[in-house]
Amino acid sequence: MSTHNAIFQLDLEVRELLSSGIEKGIFTRKLAELVHLVNGTSNGQINKSLYQRRTTTLASTALLGGFTDEDGVAMNFDEVVLMAIRNRSTTAANYLTLASADNFGLIATPPGFWTAATDTLVIPANSLWVGYWIDGIPCAAGSDNIDITVAAGADPYDLVILGRDN
C-alpha cells in the first residue's frame, strides 16, 4: 500500500521594455499556478500516480487496468487529474501524437478536452504538454483508453498520469 502526492508548479513571467513614450519602462506580466495534490479521493487530491519513460507507441491503453504499478499490480484511474507528456527527442521528425482511443476526455461527457473522439494532439520534438483538471476527468471501464504514437525513431518520452482510484 502506498500514498501519493504531487506538486505542480507553473511560473511564467514576461517582461516588456518600452523604451519610449509616456509609459516607458519595464512592464512585467506573470502567470503563476501552484497546485499541491495531497493523498485522497476528493477533488484536488490523488491516490494513484504513474511515471514511465517510454520509447515505443502506447496503443489503445486502458486507463482502468492498462498500466501496472511498481509491484506489477494493475492500476485503475477512475479519474485523471493531471497528464503530462514530455517528448525528449531533439529530431523534428520524431513528434508524438496523443489521441483519445474511444471516449477518454470528450467534452460531451464533461469535463473534457477533446471535441470529437477522432481529435489528435501533436507534441513536437523537445516539447512538453500538460493537461490539468482539478475535478478529474472520469474514466469508464472498457471505453476510456489513450493512444500515444511515436512518429519516427525510438527516442524516449516521459508519461506522467496523476489521478484517483475511487
Foldseek 3Di string as FASTA:
>chain_A
DDFDKDKDKDKDKDWDAAPDDDPGDIDIDIDIDIQIAGGDAAQSHFGDKDKDKFQAKDPFAAQQQRDADPVRGGDHFQFWFKKKKFAAAPDQQFKKKKAWQADFFDVVQPPHDDVDRGDIDIATHRGMDMDGDRRTTGGDPPGTTMIMHTRDDRGIMMIMTTHYDD
